[in-house]
Amino acid sequence: TNGASCQDNVGSSSCTGSWSIGGSCAANCAPQLSFSATSGSSPEGNSGNTNYIQVTIQQAFATSSAVTYHLKTDPGTADTSDYVAVDADATIPAGQVSTTYNIYIKGDTISEPDETFTITLTSTNPVLSGSNVFTATI
């Protein structure tokens, strides 16, 4: 279902817990989540966890209640000695269409080539649409 056509109908007497299209109830018209970009990068830095890669999670339309999603980092050529691992739920606040989440990078003075890891977006409702994997380069 096209998210742009959907309307949040949570709390109405006719469509409690679902969404509507043109006034008709449509449980499959949940806000569709995705990353706004599929990749990003950050310098590693020489110490601490001050640098970060920021991901933006977006949905097709604003809802009257918060939308929960899950983010999880997975190692690639970079591992958890290079970044702060994430395996957590977060939310897009009610009335908003997007939110950001920072993945912090662990700085060191070791000279090394660029390394990558992935961040995966999951959700059971709303549905995922578009990209749900983000490749991070440090």
C-alpha atoms as a PDB file:
ATOM      1  CA  THR A   1       0.000   0.000   0.000  1.00  0.00           C
ATOM      2  CA  ASN A   2       1.303   3.451  -0.819  1.00  0.00           C
ATOM      3  CA  GLY A   3       2.229   5.087   2.513  1.00  0.00           C
ATOM      4  CA  ALA A   4       1.549   8.558   1.101  1.00  0.00           C
ATOM      5  CA  SER A   5      -2.119   7.607   0.666  1.00  0.00           C
ATOM      6  CA  CYS A   6      -2.445   6.228   4.168  1.00  0.00           C
ATOM      7  CA  GLN A   7      -3.733   8.117   7.168  1.00  0.00           C
ATOM      8  CA  ASP A   8      -3.133   7.351  10.815  1.00  0.00           C
ATOM      9  CA  ASN A   9      -6.466   6.158  12.128  1.00  0.00           C
ATOM     10  CA  VAL A  10      -5.360   4.827  15.510  1.00  0.00           C
ATOM     11  CA  GLY A  11      -7.935   5.617  18.156  1.00  0.00           C
ATOM     12  CA  SER A  12     -10.901   6.126  15.843  1.00  0.00           C
ATOM     13  CA  SER A  13     -13.960   4.059  16.654  1.00  0.00           C
ATOM     14  CA  SER A  14     -14.023   2.536  13.182  1.00  0.00           C
ATOM     15  CA  CYS A  15     -10.374   1.532  12.760  1.00  0.00           C
ATOM     16  CA  THR A  16      -8.832   1.198  16.217  1.00  0.00           C
ATOM     17  CA  GLY A  17      -5.261  -0.045  15.933  1.00  0.00           C
ATOM     18  CA  SER A  18      -4.976   0.257  12.151  1.00  0.00           C
ATOM     19  CA  TRP A  19      -4.698   2.859   9.439  1.00  0.00           C
ATOM     20  CA  SER A  20      -7.005   4.000   6.678  1.00  0.00           C
ATOM     21  CA  ILE A  21      -6.892   4.778   2.971  1.00  0.00           C
ATOM     22  CA  GLY A  22      -9.503   7.282   1.893  1.00  0.00           C
ATOM     23  CA  GLY A  23     -11.564   6.540   5.010  1.00  0.00           C
ATOM     24  CA  SER A  24     -11.560   2.736   4.586  1.00  0.00           C
ATOM     25  CA  CYS A  25      -9.838   0.650   7.252  1.00  0.00           C
ATOM     26  CA  ALA A  26      -6.546  -0.869   6.077  1.00  0.00           C
ATOM     27  CA  ALA A  27      -4.488  -2.848   8.569  1.00  0.00           C
ATOM     28  CA  ASN A  28      -1.788  -3.286   5.889  1.00  0.00           C
ATOM     29  CA  CYS A  29      -1.324   0.467   5.568  1.00  0.00           C
ATOM     30  CA  ALA A  30       1.049   0.805   8.515  1.00  0.00           C
ATOM     31  CA  PRO A  31       3.783   3.444   8.316  1.00  0.00           C
ATOM     32  CA  GLN A  32       6.620   2.068   6.214  1.00  0.00           C
ATOM     33  CA  LEU A  33      10.090   2.339   7.792  1.00  0.00           C
ATOM     34  CA  SER A  34      13.447   2.646   6.043  1.00  0.00           C
ATOM     35  CA  PHE A  35      16.855   4.257   6.386  1.00  0.00           C
ATOM     36  CA  SER A  36      17.014   7.589   4.537  1.00  0.00           C
ATOM     37  CA  ALA A  37      20.451   6.594   3.138  1.00  0.00           C
ATOM     38  CA  THR A  38      22.163   3.233   2.660  1.00  0.00           C
ATOM     39  CA  SER A  39      25.689   4.198   3.714  1.00  0.00           C
ATOM     40  CA  GLY A  40      27.741   6.736   5.642  1.00  0.00           C
ATOM     41  CA  SER A  41      31.178   7.285   7.091  1.00  0.00           C
ATOM     42  CA  SER A  42      33.069   8.881   9.953  1.00  0.00           C
ATOM     43  CA  PRO A  43      36.731   9.338  10.793  1.00  0.00           C
ATOM     44  CA  GLU A  44      37.859   7.025  13.566  1.00  0.00           C
ATOM     45  CA  GLY A  45      39.677   9.637  15.631  1.00  0.00           C
ATOM     46  CA  ASN A  46      42.642   9.031  17.923  1.00  0.00           C
ATOM     47  CA  SER A  47      40.905   8.300  21.222  1.00  0.00           C
ATOM     48  CA  GLY A  48      37.554   8.043  23.002  1.00  0.00           C
ATOM     49  CA  ASN A  49      34.088   7.622  21.531  1.00  0.00           C
ATOM     50  CA  THR A  50      33.506  11.181  20.308  1.00  0.00           C
ATOM     51  CA  ASN A  51      32.991  10.503  16.587  1.00  0.00           C
ATOM     52  CA  TYR A  52      29.841   8.801  15.375  1.00  0.00           C
ATOM     53  CA  ILE A  53      27.894   7.708  12.334  1.00  0.00           C
ATOM     54  CA  GLN A  54      24.365   9.074  12.360  1.00  0.00           C
ATOM     55  CA  VAL A  55      21.573   7.094  10.717  1.00  0.00           C
ATOM     56  CA  THR A  56      18.146   8.539   9.971  1.00  0.00           C
ATOM     57  CA  ILE A  57      15.137   6.256  10.234  1.00  0.00           C
ATOM     58  CA  GLN A  58      12.082   7.526   8.352  1.00  0.00           C
ATOM     59  CA  GLN A  59       8.460   6.531   7.878  1.00  0.00           C
ATOM     60  CA  ALA A  60       6.011   7.395   5.121  1.00  0.00           C
ATOM     61  CA  PHE A  61       3.741   9.548   7.324  1.00  0.00           C
ATOM     62  CA  ALA A  62       3.452  10.814  10.894  1.00  0.00           C
ATOM     63  CA  THR A  63       1.363   8.801  13.360  1.00  0.00           C
ATOM     64  CA  SER A  64      -0.495   9.742  16.524  1.00  0.00           C
ATOM     65  CA  SER A  65       1.549   7.294  18.603  1.00  0.00           C
ATOM     66  CA  ALA A  66       5.264   6.503  18.765  1.00  0.00           C
ATOM     67  CA  VAL A  67       6.578   3.876  16.337  1.00  0.00           C
ATOM     68  CA  THR A  68       9.088   1.356  17.711  1.00  0.00           C
ATOM     69  CA  TYR A  69      11.868  -0.176  15.632  1.00  0.00           C
ATOM     70  CA  HIS A  70      15.017  -2.198  16.351  1.00  0.00           C
ATOM     71  CA  LEU A  71      18.632  -1.458  15.356  1.00  0.00           C
ATOM     72  CA  LYS A  72      21.477  -3.958  15.456  1.00  0.00           C
ATOM     73  CA  THR A  73      25.100  -3.564  14.419  1.00  0.00           C
ATOM     74  CA  ASP A  74      26.981  -6.446  12.817  1.00  0.00           C
ATOM     75  CA  PRO A  75      30.744  -6.623  12.258  1.00  0.00           C
ATOM     76  CA  GLY A  76      32.310  -6.583   8.825  1.00  0.00           C
ATOM     77  CA  THR A  77      35.979  -5.684   8.476  1.00  0.00           C
ATOM     78  CA  ALA A  78      35.363  -3.453  11.523  1.00  0.00           C
ATOM     79  CA  ASP A  79      34.457  -5.143  14.790  1.00  0.00           C
ATOM     80  CA  THR A  80      33.404  -4.037  18.257  1.00  0.00           C
ATOM     81  CA  SER A  81      36.941  -2.886  19.033  1.00  0.00           C
ATOM     82  CA  ASP A  82      36.223  -0.168  16.421  1.00  0.00           C
ATOM     83  CA  TYR A  83      32.650   0.908  17.317  1.00  0.00           C
ATOM     84  CA  VAL A  84      30.132   0.696  20.166  1.00  0.00           C
ATOM     85  CA  ALA A  85      27.821  -2.206  19.323  1.00  0.00           C
ATOM     86  CA  VAL A  86      24.060  -1.576  19.270  1.00  0.00           C
ATOM     87  CA  ASP A  87      21.233  -4.089  19.716  1.00  0.00           C
ATOM     88  CA  ALA A  88      18.355  -1.931  20.901  1.00  0.00           C
ATOM     89  CA  ASP A  89      14.806  -0.751  20.380  1.00  0.00           C
ATOM     90  CA  ALA A  90      14.181   2.922  19.699  1.00  0.00           C
ATOM     91  CA  THR A  91      11.224   5.042  18.600  1.00  0.00           C
ATOM     92  CA  ILE A  92      10.066   7.663  16.172  1.00  0.00           C
ATOM     93  CA  PRO A  93       8.058  10.037  18.388  1.00  0.00           C
ATOM     94  CA  ALA A  94       4.346  10.586  17.766  1.00  0.00           C
ATOM     95  CA  GLY A  95       3.730  13.246  15.130  1.00  0.00           C
ATOM     96  CA  GLN A  96       7.209  12.876  13.577  1.00  0.00           C
ATOM     97  CA  VAL A  97       8.241  11.264  10.278  1.00  0.00           C
ATOM     98  CA  SER A  98      11.872  10.549  11.191  1.00  0.00           C
ATOM     99  CA  THR A  99      14.438  10.276  13.937  1.00  0.00           C
ATOM    100  CA  THR A 100      18.207   9.877  14.145  1.00  0.00           C
ATOM    101  CA  TYR A 101      20.387   7.395  15.999  1.00  0.00           C
ATOM    102  CA  ASN A 102      24.137   7.732  16.598  1.00  0.00           C
ATOM    103  CA  ILE A 103      26.553   4.791  16.412  1.00  0.00           C
ATOM    104  CA  TYR A 104      29.716   5.828  18.272  1.00  0.00           C
ATOM    105  CA  ILE A 105      33.170   5.067  16.918  1.00  0.00           C
ATOM    106  CA  LYS A 106      36.064   3.988  19.187  1.00  0.00           C
ATOM    107  CA  GLY A 107      39.126   6.058  18.379  1.00  0.00           C
ATOM    108  CA  ASP A 108      42.688   4.743  18.442  1.00  0.00           C
ATOM    109  CA  THR A 109      46.117   5.681  17.071  1.00  0.00           C
ATOM    110  CA  ILE A 110      46.587   2.495  15.024  1.00  0.00           C
ATOM    111  CA  SER A 111      47.056   3.183  11.328  1.00  0.00           C
ATOM    112  CA  GLU A 112      44.626   0.965   9.399  1.00  0.00           C
ATOM    113  CA  PRO A 113      42.689   0.970   6.119  1.00  0.00           C
ATOM    114  CA  ASP A 114      39.000   1.845   5.944  1.00  0.00           C
ATOM    115  CA  GLU A 115      36.799  -0.721   7.676  1.00  0.00           C
ATOM    116  CA  THR A 116      33.065  -1.381   7.452  1.00  0.00           C
ATOM    117  CA  PHE A 117      30.212  -2.735   9.554  1.00  0.00           C
ATOM    118  CA  THR A 118      26.464  -2.854   8.993  1.00  0.00           C
ATOM    119  CA  ILE A 119      23.450  -1.557  10.882  1.00  0.00           C
ATOM    120  CA  THR A 120      20.196  -3.450  10.358  1.00  0.00           C
ATOM    121  CA  LEU A 121      16.730  -1.958  10.888  1.00  0.00           C
ATOM    122  CA  THR A 122      13.928  -4.342  11.853  1.00  0.00           C
ATOM    123  CA  SER A 123      10.303  -3.962  12.870  1.00  0.00           C
ATOM    124  CA  THR A 124       7.234  -6.173  13.049  1.00  0.00           C
ATOM    125  CA  ASN A 125       4.727  -3.322  12.651  1.00  0.00           C
ATOM    126  CA  PRO A 126       5.134  -0.962  10.910  1.00  0.00           C
ATOM    127  CA  VAL A 127       6.424  -2.743   7.870  1.00  0.00           C
ATOM    128  CA  LEU A 128       9.839  -2.151   6.353  1.00  0.00           C
ATOM    129  CA  SER A 129      10.070  -0.570   2.954  1.00  0.00           C
ATOM    130  CA  GLY A 130      13.124   0.442   1.039  1.00  0.00           C
ATOM    131  CA  SER A 131      16.514  -0.066   2.607  1.00  0.00           C
ATOM    132  CA  ASN A 132      16.823  -1.776   5.960  1.00  0.00           C
ATOM    133  CA  VAL A 133      20.627  -2.245   5.888  1.00  0.00           C
ATOM    134  CA  PHE A 134      23.065   0.651   6.321  1.00  0.00           C
ATOM    135  CA  THR A 135      26.803   0.180   5.595  1.00  0.00           C
ATOM    136  CA  ALA A 136      29.068   2.237   7.847  1.00  0.00           C
ATOM    137  CA  THR A 137      32.691   3.024   6.936  1.00  0.00           C
ATOM    138  CA  ILE A 138      35.325   4.162   9.424  1.00  0.00           C
END
